[in-house]
C-alpha atoms as a PDB file:
ATOM      1  CA  MET A   1      -6.629  34.004  82.282  1.00  0.00           C
ATOM      2  CA  LYS A   2      -7.523  35.588  78.937  1.00  0.00           C
ATOM      3  CA  TYR A   3      -4.443  34.575  77.077  1.00  0.00           C
ATOM      4  CA  PRO A   4      -2.847  31.234  77.887  1.00  0.00           C
ATOM      5  CA  LYS A   5       0.557  29.653  77.643  1.00  0.00           C
ATOM      6  CA  GLY A   6       1.689  30.186  73.519  1.00  0.00           C
ATOM      7  CA  SER A   7      -1.037  33.147  72.682  1.00  0.00           C
ATOM      8  CA  ILE A   8       0.547  35.410  70.361  1.00  0.00           C
ATOM      9  CA  VAL A   9      -0.101  38.605  71.466  1.00  0.00           C
ATOM     10  CA  LYS A  10       0.556  42.658  70.745  1.00  0.00           C
ATOM     11  CA  HIS A  11       1.246  45.343  73.112  1.00  0.00           C
ATOM     12  CA  LYS A  12      -1.328  47.991  72.731  1.00  0.00           C
ATOM     13  CA  SER A  13       1.264  50.612  72.870  1.00  0.00           C
ATOM     14  CA  GLY A  14       2.595  49.302  69.266  1.00  0.00           C
ATOM     15  CA  ASP A  15       2.676  46.524  66.509  1.00  0.00           C
ATOM     16  CA  ILE A  16       5.394  44.591  68.390  1.00  0.00           C
ATOM     17  CA  THR A  17       3.811  40.884  68.597  1.00  0.00           C
ATOM     18  CA  GLY A  18       5.078  37.773  70.742  1.00  0.00           C
ATOM     19  CA  GLU A  19       4.216  34.897  72.871  1.00  0.00           C
ATOM     20  CA  VAL A  20       3.041  34.309  76.277  1.00  0.00           C
ATOM     21  CA  VAL A  21       5.704  32.121  77.446  1.00  0.00           C
ATOM     22  CA  ASN A  22       4.437  32.040  81.214  1.00  0.00           C
ATOM     23  CA  THR A  23       1.086  32.977  82.968  1.00  0.00           C
ATOM     24  CA  PHE A  24       0.964  34.584  86.452  1.00  0.00           C
ATOM     25  CA  GLU A  25      -2.339  34.667  88.597  1.00  0.00           C
ATOM     26  CA  GLN A  26      -2.923  38.239  90.544  1.00  0.00           C
ATOM     27  CA  GLY A  27      -5.741  37.368  92.654  1.00  0.00           C
ATOM     28  CA  GLU A  28      -8.904  36.709  91.525  1.00  0.00           C
ATOM     29  CA  LYS A  29      -9.571  39.052  89.015  1.00  0.00           C
ATOM     30  CA  SER A  30      -5.712  39.983  87.124  1.00  0.00           C
ATOM     31  CA  CYS A  31      -3.217  37.872  85.425  1.00  0.00           C
ATOM     32  CA  GLY A  32       0.138  38.870  84.435  1.00  0.00           C
ATOM     33  CA  TYR A  33       2.181  37.422  81.570  1.00  0.00           C
ATOM     34  CA  TYR A  34       5.675  36.917  80.860  1.00  0.00           C
ATOM     35  CA  ILE A  35       5.949  37.998  76.826  1.00  0.00           C
ATOM     36  CA  LYS A  36       8.719  36.502  74.765  1.00  0.00           C
ATOM     37  CA  TRP A  37       8.754  39.558  71.800  1.00  0.00           C
ATOM     38  CA  ASP A  38       9.521  38.978  68.293  1.00  0.00           C
ATOM     39  CA  ASP A  39      12.352  40.979  68.660  1.00  0.00           C
ATOM     40  CA  GLY A  40      14.014  38.560  70.929  1.00  0.00           C
ATOM     41  CA  SER A  41      13.579  40.768  74.071  1.00  0.00           C
ATOM     42  CA  HIS A  42      11.511  39.254  77.306  1.00  0.00           C
ATOM     43  CA  SER A  43       9.638  41.142  79.343  1.00  0.00           C
ATOM     44  CA  TYR A  44       5.994  40.925  81.930  1.00  0.00           C
ATOM     45  CA  HIS A  45       2.976  42.695  81.421  1.00  0.00           C
ATOM     46  CA  ALA A  46      -0.345  43.237  83.094  1.00  0.00           C
ATOM     47  CA  GLU A  47      -3.556  41.860  80.975  1.00  0.00           C
ATOM     48  CA  GLN A  48      -4.780  45.080  80.115  1.00  0.00           C
ATOM     49  CA  GLU A  49      -1.631  45.883  78.346  1.00  0.00           C
ATOM     50  CA  LEU A  50      -2.045  43.240  75.900  1.00  0.00           C
ATOM     51  CA  ASN A  51      -4.529  42.314  72.806  1.00  0.00           C
ATOM     52  CA  TRP A  52      -4.673  39.493  70.899  1.00  0.00           C
ATOM     53  CA  ALA A  53      -2.118  39.623  67.679  1.00  0.00           C
ATOM     54  CA  ASP A  54      -5.459  38.881  65.288  1.00  0.00           C
ATOM     55  CA  ALA A  55      -8.825  40.594  66.726  1.00  0.00           C
ATOM     56  CA  ASN A  56     -10.512  38.577  64.925  1.00  0.00           C
ATOM     57  CA  ARG A  57      -9.073  35.081  65.638  1.00  0.00           C
ATOM     58  CA  PRO A  58      -7.155  34.460  69.121  1.00  0.00           C
ATOM     59  CA  MET A  59      -3.695  32.699  67.734  1.00  0.00           C
ATOM     60  CA  PHE A  60      -1.239  30.508  69.459  1.00  0.00           C
ATOM     61  CA  HIS A  61       2.220  29.629  68.898  1.00  0.00           C
ATOM     62  CA  PRO A  62       2.426  26.215  66.186  1.00  0.00           C
ATOM     63  CA  GLN A  63       4.629  24.325  68.863  1.00  0.00           C
ATOM     64  CA  GLN A  64       1.901  24.372  71.257  1.00  0.00           C
END
């Protein structure tokens, strides 16, 4: 799992960021993530659709 629960990530298609709320293993080499986006929406994404919000330093939600 690349992004643990509480990680701050962004979608590859844009600048929106969000928090990893839950993770789901999809076999031995892949994970899926349920994300709460900054705009209040939620959605599920495969690992390859996401990046760290800050490529220089992985960030975690302050409550973690």
